[in-house]
Protein backbone atom coordinates (compact mmCIF):
# COMPACT_ATOMS: atom_id res chain seq x y z
CA MET A 1 -92.34 119.35 124.94
CA LYS A 2 -91.94 123.15 124.91
CA SER A 3 -89.51 125.08 122.87
CA GLN A 4 -86.93 125.46 125.44
CA GLU A 5 -86.84 121.79 126.15
CA TYR A 6 -86.12 120.99 122.49
CA ILE A 7 -83.51 123.70 122.42
CA GLU A 8 -81.66 122.38 125.44
CA LEU A 9 -81.77 118.87 124.18
CA GLU A 10 -80.37 119.88 120.84
CA GLU A 11 -77.68 122.04 122.34
CA ARG A 12 -76.54 119.23 124.70
CA ILE A 13 -76.12 116.35 122.31
CA GLY A 14 -75.98 117.97 118.80
CA ALA A 15 -72.73 119.30 117.26
CA HIS A 16 -72.80 123.07 117.30
CA ASN A 17 -72.20 123.62 113.62
CA TYR A 18 -75.05 126.10 113.32
CA HIS A 19 -76.28 129.08 115.30
CA PRO A 20 -80.04 128.96 114.61
CA LEU A 21 -82.62 131.40 115.87
CA ASP A 22 -84.24 129.90 118.94
CA VAL A 23 -87.54 128.94 117.32
CA VAL A 24 -88.62 125.28 117.17
CA LEU A 25 -90.78 124.71 114.10
CA THR A 26 -93.28 121.92 113.73
CA ARG A 27 -95.43 122.76 110.68
CA GLY A 28 -95.28 124.78 107.48
CA GLU A 29 -97.79 125.79 104.86
CA GLY A 30 -97.06 128.15 101.90
CA VAL A 31 -95.08 131.10 103.27
CA TRP A 32 -96.01 130.40 106.88
CA VAL A 33 -94.49 128.26 109.56
CA TYR A 34 -95.61 127.39 113.11
CA ASP A 35 -93.66 126.59 116.22
CA VAL A 36 -94.28 123.94 118.90
CA ASP A 37 -95.79 126.59 121.14
CA GLY A 38 -98.38 127.54 118.50
CA ASN A 39 -96.76 130.82 117.20
CA LYS A 40 -97.06 131.67 113.49
CA TYR A 41 -94.22 133.18 111.52
CA LEU A 42 -93.62 134.39 107.95
CA ASP A 43 -90.62 132.44 106.57
CA CYS A 44 -88.36 134.99 104.96
CA LEU A 45 -85.39 132.59 104.47
CA SER A 46 -87.00 129.70 102.50
CA SER A 47 -84.29 127.32 103.80
CA TYR A 48 -81.73 129.32 101.88
CA SER A 49 -83.89 129.34 98.78
CA ALA A 50 -84.73 125.60 98.85
CA LEU A 51 -88.38 126.46 99.36
CA ASN A 52 -89.12 128.55 96.35
CA GLN A 53 -92.36 126.69 95.89
CA GLY A 54 -93.36 127.22 99.46
CA HIS A 55 -93.76 124.85 102.38
CA VAL A 56 -95.41 121.51 101.73
CA HIS A 57 -96.74 122.42 98.24
CA PRO A 58 -99.70 120.01 97.69
CA ARG A 59 -98.74 119.05 94.15
CA ILE A 60 -95.14 118.16 95.13
CA LEU A 61 -96.46 116.37 98.25
CA LYS A 62 -98.81 114.27 96.06
CA ALA A 63 -95.91 113.40 93.72
CA LEU A 64 -93.74 112.44 96.64
CA ILE A 65 -96.35 110.21 98.19
CA GLU A 66 -97.30 108.51 94.90
CA GLN A 67 -93.67 107.77 94.03
CA ALA A 68 -92.70 106.72 97.56
CA SER A 69 -95.54 104.19 97.56
CA LYS A 70 -94.17 102.60 94.37
CA LEU A 71 -90.31 102.79 94.14
CA THR A 72 -87.84 104.99 96.08
CA LEU A 73 -84.35 103.65 95.16
CA THR A 74 -82.70 101.55 92.54
CA SER A 75 -79.18 102.89 92.74
CA ARG A 76 -77.69 103.62 89.32
CA ALA A 77 -77.08 99.89 88.74
CA PHE A 78 -80.57 99.78 87.33
CA ARG A 79 -82.83 102.30 85.45
CA SER A 80 -86.14 103.75 86.61
CA ASP A 81 -89.14 105.16 84.76
CA GLN A 82 -88.69 108.57 86.39
CA LEU A 83 -85.07 109.37 85.64
CA ALA A 84 -85.26 109.61 81.86
CA LEU A 85 -88.36 111.83 82.11
CA PHE A 86 -86.57 114.10 84.61
CA TYR A 87 -83.63 114.35 82.16
CA LYS A 88 -85.97 115.19 79.29
CA GLU A 89 -87.84 117.84 81.21
CA ILE A 90 -84.94 119.60 82.74
CA THR A 91 -82.90 119.71 79.61
CA GLU A 92 -85.87 121.05 77.61
CA LEU A 93 -86.38 123.73 80.24
CA THR A 94 -82.74 124.85 80.45
CA GLY A 95 -81.65 124.18 76.89
CA TYR A 96 -78.66 121.99 77.76
CA ASP A 97 -77.89 118.69 76.02
CA MET A 98 -77.15 116.55 79.10
CA VAL A 99 -77.58 116.38 82.90
CA LEU A 100 -75.75 114.61 85.70
CA PRO A 101 -77.91 114.30 88.86
CA MET A 102 -76.66 114.33 92.44
CA ASN A 103 -78.16 115.02 95.85
CA SER A 104 -76.82 118.14 97.61
CA GLY A 105 -75.56 121.39 96.21
CA ALA A 106 -72.07 120.73 97.42
CA GLU A 107 -72.06 117.38 95.57
CA ALA A 108 -73.07 119.18 92.38
CA VAL A 109 -70.28 121.68 92.80
CA GLU A 110 -67.77 118.90 93.36
CA THR A 111 -69.26 117.21 90.22
CA ALA A 112 -68.75 120.32 88.13
CA LEU A 113 -65.22 120.66 89.34
CA LYS A 114 -64.42 117.09 88.33
CA VAL A 115 -66.14 117.51 84.96
CA ALA A 116 -64.23 120.70 84.25
CA ARG A 117 -60.94 119.13 85.07
CA LYS A 118 -61.55 116.13 82.81
CA TRP A 119 -62.53 118.47 80.00
CA GLY A 120 -59.34 120.37 80.59
CA TYR A 121 -57.14 117.24 80.30
CA VAL A 122 -59.04 115.52 77.51
CA SER A 123 -60.11 118.46 75.34
CA LYS A 124 -58.01 121.42 76.14
CA LYS A 125 -54.87 119.26 76.62
CA VAL A 126 -53.85 120.89 79.86
CA PRO A 127 -50.91 118.84 81.40
CA ARG A 128 -52.30 116.26 83.79
CA ASN A 129 -52.73 117.49 87.38
CA LYS A 130 -51.99 121.10 86.39
CA ALA A 131 -55.54 122.23 85.88
CA GLU A 132 -56.58 125.55 87.50
CA ILE A 133 -60.10 126.82 88.20
CA ILE A 134 -60.71 130.55 88.96
CA VAL A 135 -63.23 131.50 91.62
CA ALA A 136 -64.24 134.79 93.23
CA GLU A 137 -63.37 136.15 96.61
CA GLY A 138 -66.41 136.00 98.97
CA ASN A 139 -67.74 132.86 97.30
CA PHE A 140 -69.82 130.19 98.95
CA HIS A 141 -70.10 126.97 97.05
CA GLY A 142 -70.36 124.38 99.94
CA ARG A 143 -68.38 122.94 102.79
CA THR A 144 -66.48 119.95 101.46
CA ILE A 145 -62.71 119.88 101.75
CA SER A 146 -62.10 120.88 98.17
CA ILE A 147 -64.71 123.63 98.27
CA ILE A 148 -63.56 125.26 101.48
CA SER A 149 -60.05 125.12 100.07
CA PHE A 150 -60.98 128.07 97.80
CA SER A 151 -63.13 129.97 100.32
CA SER A 152 -61.94 133.38 101.40
CA GLU A 153 -63.67 132.96 104.81
CA PRO A 154 -61.12 131.98 107.48
CA ALA A 155 -63.78 130.34 109.71
CA TYR A 156 -64.69 127.94 106.86
CA LYS A 157 -61.18 126.71 106.21
CA ASP A 158 -58.49 127.48 108.79
CA ASP A 159 -58.84 124.39 110.89
CA PHE A 160 -59.49 121.97 108.00
CA GLY A 161 -56.33 121.95 106.02
CA PRO A 162 -54.33 120.74 104.15
CA HIS A 163 -56.28 122.28 101.36
CA THR A 164 -56.92 121.10 97.83
CA PRO A 165 -54.66 122.93 95.30
CA GLY A 166 -55.68 124.13 91.81
CA PHE A 167 -57.80 127.12 92.58
CA ILE A 168 -57.11 130.86 91.93
CA SER A 169 -59.20 133.49 93.62
CA VAL A 170 -59.90 136.97 92.24
CA PRO A 171 -62.11 139.88 93.40
CA PHE A 172 -65.84 139.36 92.64
CA GLY A 173 -67.11 141.77 89.97
CA ASP A 174 -63.63 142.48 88.57
CA ALA A 175 -63.46 141.14 85.00
CA SER A 176 -60.00 142.62 84.38
CA ALA A 177 -58.50 140.78 87.35
CA LEU A 178 -60.16 137.58 86.15
CA GLU A 179 -58.73 137.93 82.73
CA LYS A 180 -55.26 138.54 84.09
CA ALA A 181 -55.47 135.38 86.25
CA ILE A 182 -56.16 133.05 83.24
CA THR A 183 -53.18 130.93 82.16
CA PRO A 184 -52.85 128.16 79.64
CA ASN A 185 -53.78 125.73 82.49
CA THR A 186 -57.07 127.43 83.31
CA VAL A 187 -59.94 125.02 82.63
CA GLY A 188 -62.80 126.87 84.28
CA VAL A 189 -64.21 129.99 85.99
CA MET A 190 -66.78 129.24 88.60
CA LEU A 191 -69.02 132.08 89.93
CA GLU A 192 -72.20 132.74 91.78
CA PRO A 193 -74.15 135.31 89.58
CA ILE A 194 -75.13 136.95 92.89
CA GLN A 195 -73.26 136.03 96.05
CA GLY A 196 -75.93 135.03 98.45
CA GLU A 197 -74.08 133.90 101.60
CA SER A 198 -71.54 136.67 101.24
CA GLY A 199 -74.33 139.24 101.67
CA VAL A 200 -76.42 139.38 98.50
CA ASN A 201 -73.50 140.96 96.56
CA ILE A 202 -74.60 141.90 93.07
CA PRO A 203 -71.79 142.41 90.45
CA PRO A 204 -71.72 145.43 88.12
CA ASP A 205 -73.98 145.35 85.11
CA GLY A 206 -72.20 143.58 82.25
CA TYR A 207 -69.78 141.69 84.44
CA LEU A 208 -71.17 138.26 83.62
CA LYS A 209 -71.27 139.18 79.87
CA LYS A 210 -67.58 140.14 80.09
CA VAL A 211 -66.72 136.91 81.89
CA ARG A 212 -68.55 135.00 79.16
CA GLU A 213 -66.42 136.78 76.45
CA ILE A 214 -63.17 136.09 78.32
CA CYS A 215 -64.02 132.42 78.77
CA THR A 216 -64.97 132.05 75.10
CA LYS A 217 -61.83 133.89 73.94
CA THR A 218 -59.51 131.77 76.15
CA ASN A 219 -61.23 128.40 75.68
CA THR A 220 -62.23 128.24 79.24
CA LEU A 221 -65.44 126.84 80.76
CA PHE A 222 -67.80 129.34 82.35
CA MET A 223 -69.38 127.56 85.34
CA ALA A 224 -72.44 129.23 87.02
CA ASP A 225 -73.42 128.16 90.51
CA GLU A 226 -77.15 128.88 90.56
CA ILE A 227 -77.87 126.69 93.50
CA GLN A 228 -79.31 129.60 95.43
CA THR A 229 -80.01 132.12 92.65
CA GLY A 230 -81.54 129.78 90.12
CA LEU A 231 -85.03 128.49 89.47
CA GLY A 232 -86.84 131.87 89.74
CA ARG A 233 -85.39 133.31 92.92
CA THR A 234 -84.02 136.54 91.33
CA GLY A 235 -87.08 137.10 89.17
CA LYS A 236 -85.52 135.28 86.14
CA LEU A 237 -85.29 131.56 85.75
CA PHE A 238 -81.49 131.97 86.14
CA ALA A 239 -79.59 135.00 87.42
CA THR A 240 -77.18 134.80 84.49
CA MET A 241 -80.12 135.89 82.28
CA TYR A 242 -79.74 139.44 83.69
CA ASP A 243 -76.61 139.70 81.48
CA ASP A 244 -78.08 137.47 78.78
CA VAL A 245 -75.36 134.92 79.03
CA ARG A 246 -75.26 131.14 78.96
CA ALA A 247 -72.87 129.20 81.18
CA ASP A 248 -71.08 126.17 79.82
CA ILE A 249 -71.81 124.33 83.07
CA LEU A 250 -74.96 125.14 85.12
CA ILE A 251 -75.07 123.97 88.72
CA LEU A 252 -78.53 123.58 90.35
CA GLY A 253 -79.89 122.39 93.67
CA LYS A 254 -81.99 123.58 96.56
CA ALA A 255 -85.39 124.47 94.95
CA LEU A 256 -85.00 121.64 92.50
CA GLY A 257 -86.18 119.39 95.31
CA GLY A 258 -89.18 121.71 96.07
CA GLY A 259 -88.34 121.71 99.79
CA PHE A 260 -89.13 118.00 100.13
CA TYR A 261 -86.04 116.15 99.07
CA PRO A 262 -82.35 116.83 98.29
CA VAL A 263 -81.90 117.00 94.48
CA SER A 264 -79.07 118.65 92.59
CA ALA A 265 -77.91 118.59 89.04
CA VAL A 266 -74.97 119.65 86.76
CA LEU A 267 -76.10 120.59 83.21
CA ALA A 268 -73.85 121.08 80.20
CA ASP A 269 -73.74 120.26 76.48
CA ASN A 270 -72.37 117.12 74.88
CA PHE A 271 -68.81 118.45 74.40
CA VAL A 272 -68.44 118.69 78.28
CA LEU A 273 -70.75 115.99 79.94
CA GLY A 274 -70.26 113.64 76.98
CA LEU A 275 -66.77 113.04 78.25
CA ILE A 276 -67.97 111.26 81.43
CA LYS A 277 -67.73 107.51 81.21
CA PRO A 278 -68.92 104.68 83.43
CA GLY A 279 -66.89 104.76 86.74
CA ASP A 280 -65.85 108.35 86.37
CA HIS A 281 -68.39 109.60 88.93
CA GLY A 282 -71.42 108.38 90.81
CA SER A 283 -73.80 108.31 93.74
CA THR A 284 -76.01 105.63 95.19
CA PHE A 285 -78.85 108.06 95.73
CA GLY A 286 -78.15 110.53 92.86
CA GLY A 287 -80.97 110.42 90.30
CA ASN A 288 -83.02 107.98 92.41
CA PRO A 289 -86.72 107.64 91.26
CA LEU A 290 -88.12 109.43 94.33
CA ALA A 291 -85.85 112.45 93.69
CA ALA A 292 -86.62 112.45 89.96
CA ALA A 293 -90.38 112.46 90.61
CA VAL A 294 -90.08 115.24 93.18
CA ALA A 295 -87.81 117.36 90.90
CA ARG A 296 -90.13 116.92 87.92
CA GLU A 297 -93.14 118.18 89.87
CA SER A 298 -91.08 120.95 91.47
CA LEU A 299 -90.19 122.28 88.03
CA LYS A 300 -93.75 121.96 86.81
CA VAL A 301 -95.00 123.94 89.76
CA LEU A 302 -92.33 126.63 89.21
CA ILE A 303 -93.33 127.13 85.53
CA GLU A 304 -97.10 126.48 85.60
CA GLU A 305 -97.71 128.70 88.69
CA LYS A 306 -95.55 131.45 87.22
CA LEU A 307 -93.41 131.70 90.38
CA THR A 308 -90.47 133.33 88.46
CA GLU A 309 -92.73 136.03 87.27
CA ASN A 310 -94.19 136.51 90.69
CA ALA A 311 -90.69 136.88 92.13
CA ALA A 312 -89.93 139.63 89.70
CA ILE A 313 -93.11 141.52 90.46
CA GLN A 314 -93.18 141.09 94.26
CA GLY A 315 -89.41 141.44 94.50
CA GLU A 316 -89.39 144.78 92.74
CA TYR A 317 -92.01 146.09 95.19
CA PHE A 318 -90.43 144.61 98.23
CA LEU A 319 -86.94 146.03 97.36
CA GLU A 320 -88.48 149.47 96.52
CA GLN A 321 -90.32 149.63 99.89
CA LEU A 322 -87.33 148.44 101.89
CA SER A 323 -85.09 151.05 100.16
CA GLU A 324 -87.43 153.77 101.28
CA ILE A 325 -87.06 152.98 105.00
CA ASN A 326 -85.37 156.06 106.48
CA SER A 327 -83.20 154.70 109.24
CA PRO A 328 -79.56 155.64 110.19
CA LYS A 329 -79.06 151.94 110.91
CA ILE A 330 -79.28 150.95 107.23
CA LYS A 331 -76.07 151.24 105.11
CA GLU A 332 -77.50 149.67 102.01
CA VAL A 333 -80.44 147.69 100.60
CA ARG A 334 -79.72 145.52 97.63
CA GLY A 335 -81.20 142.58 95.77
CA ARG A 336 -82.88 141.11 92.75
CA GLY A 337 -86.23 139.43 92.71
CA LEU A 338 -86.90 137.92 96.08
CA LEU A 339 -83.31 137.71 97.13
CA ILE A 340 -82.70 140.91 99.15
CA GLY A 341 -80.20 141.95 101.72
CA ILE A 342 -80.27 144.90 104.14
CA GLU A 343 -76.79 145.76 105.35
CA VAL A 344 -76.78 147.50 108.70
CA THR A 345 -74.06 149.83 109.80
CA LYS A 346 -71.35 148.78 112.27
CA GLU A 347 -72.62 151.47 114.64
CA ALA A 348 -76.05 149.86 114.67
CA GLY A 349 -74.70 146.56 115.86
CA LYS A 350 -74.81 143.09 114.30
CA ALA A 351 -77.68 141.90 112.12
CA ARG A 352 -78.38 139.09 114.57
CA LYS A 353 -80.16 141.30 116.96
CA TYR A 354 -82.45 142.57 114.24
CA CYS A 355 -83.27 139.03 113.17
CA GLU A 356 -84.13 138.17 116.78
CA ALA A 357 -86.33 141.22 117.03
CA LEU A 358 -88.02 140.30 113.72
CA MET A 359 -88.71 136.78 115.12
CA LYS A 360 -90.60 138.38 117.98
CA GLU A 361 -92.64 140.22 115.43
CA GLY A 362 -93.51 136.99 113.59
CA ILE A 363 -90.89 137.15 110.75
CA LEU A 364 -88.08 134.59 110.33
CA ALA A 365 -85.07 135.99 108.54
CA LYS A 366 -81.36 135.20 109.05
CA GLU A 367 -78.20 137.23 109.31
CA THR A 368 -75.22 136.58 107.06
CA HIS A 369 -71.72 137.84 107.47
CA GLU A 370 -72.60 139.69 110.64
CA GLN A 371 -74.03 142.92 109.14
CA ILE A 372 -76.53 141.76 106.57
CA ILE A 373 -80.22 140.66 107.09
CA ARG A 374 -81.31 138.47 104.24
CA PHE A 375 -84.88 138.29 103.06
CA ALA A 376 -85.82 135.46 100.74
CA PRO A 377 -89.47 134.37 101.18
CA PRO A 378 -91.07 131.63 99.03
CA LEU A 379 -91.82 132.79 95.59
CA THR A 380 -95.54 132.19 96.30
CA ILE A 381 -95.69 135.32 98.43
CA ASP A 382 -98.31 137.94 97.62
CA ARG A 383 -98.49 141.71 97.92
CA ALA A 384 -100.68 141.76 101.09
CA THR A 385 -98.23 139.55 102.92
CA ILE A 386 -95.34 141.73 101.82
CA ASP A 387 -97.14 144.78 103.16
CA TRP A 388 -97.80 143.03 106.46
CA ALA A 389 -94.13 142.19 106.70
CA LEU A 390 -93.01 145.67 105.78
CA ASP A 391 -94.81 147.10 108.80
CA LYS A 392 -92.84 144.80 111.07
CA ILE A 393 -89.58 145.41 109.41
CA ARG A 394 -89.89 149.13 109.54
CA LYS A 395 -90.78 148.89 113.21
CA VAL A 396 -87.68 146.81 113.95
CA LEU A 397 -85.28 148.89 112.05
CA MET A 398 -86.58 152.13 113.53
CA GLU A 399 -86.91 151.14 117.12
CA ASN A 400 -84.04 148.69 117.87
């Protein structure tokens, strides 16, 4: 089948909950992907940062095959020889006491919300069913009913009410507004250190440090959603490290599965996760042996191949070169590490047309919030490949 046949089939019988670029991929290797018609592309999205280690990394593939040939699922009714080792390795890496594994990022966010609420009732003594969690405007934490309930994007929530109560929204980057929103019933503050889906929005320097101070002072849990920004994407292991802060609850996903398998996790110390008892929470697939084996190798690849360090070096160069493109179409270039956004002016049209033009040049990037082109290649990318891409990007932004 040719690309158009796949596209027509998908459009006819699949729910239209995405608006993908019209490329039909069939194979990937490292930073490159190939479509069914034989065309080669540089992946500059990394499946929204789920492919930090690159496509089909051989070490993770080997771990997947070896574990899949032995044991894939036990449910949490029984133990496996992979889960405890995953717990040990991820807590040693992150410095937290405990971990609760799930599958998708949205599941991990829901888990963190439940954990924070229980802590609020049991430890902070907030009146039952009165717990409040503060979030930031422009957030994107997933698409479940509870999560879209505190979204500020009408398209995500307007047709899906009634919405879950208990959430207060304040402007992103405004520590003063956040502090004013805290009440005796506030149990947590949940933030993305950098808002990815909202357009690679970076808060002012010191914002997260101020949030940490406010949370400590008011006995409130600081919850960092690092599903997209974590595990090396921004040039540090976690984006909170730019402000030298430690969250009470760390939420991970995407790259934890190395691009092979959905794996997510909530990490916290004993005083938080130690409150969870049998029956409080669970998932048939969460923490399964296949997921644990894949996550273990994904973390080892990240550390041993120094992908975080490469993201810092290559990201600084990529951002610098993009910032030097002299085009009236560009309103702003912003980013950290290999999470970069180019915001085009309203007069230049929507970002979608530039992503489509880039696709024709062999680069796959994706628009977000209409005016921003996001560049987030695998952390394995090298300087020569970035230089190749820069020539194409300059051409598109100057000519279209």
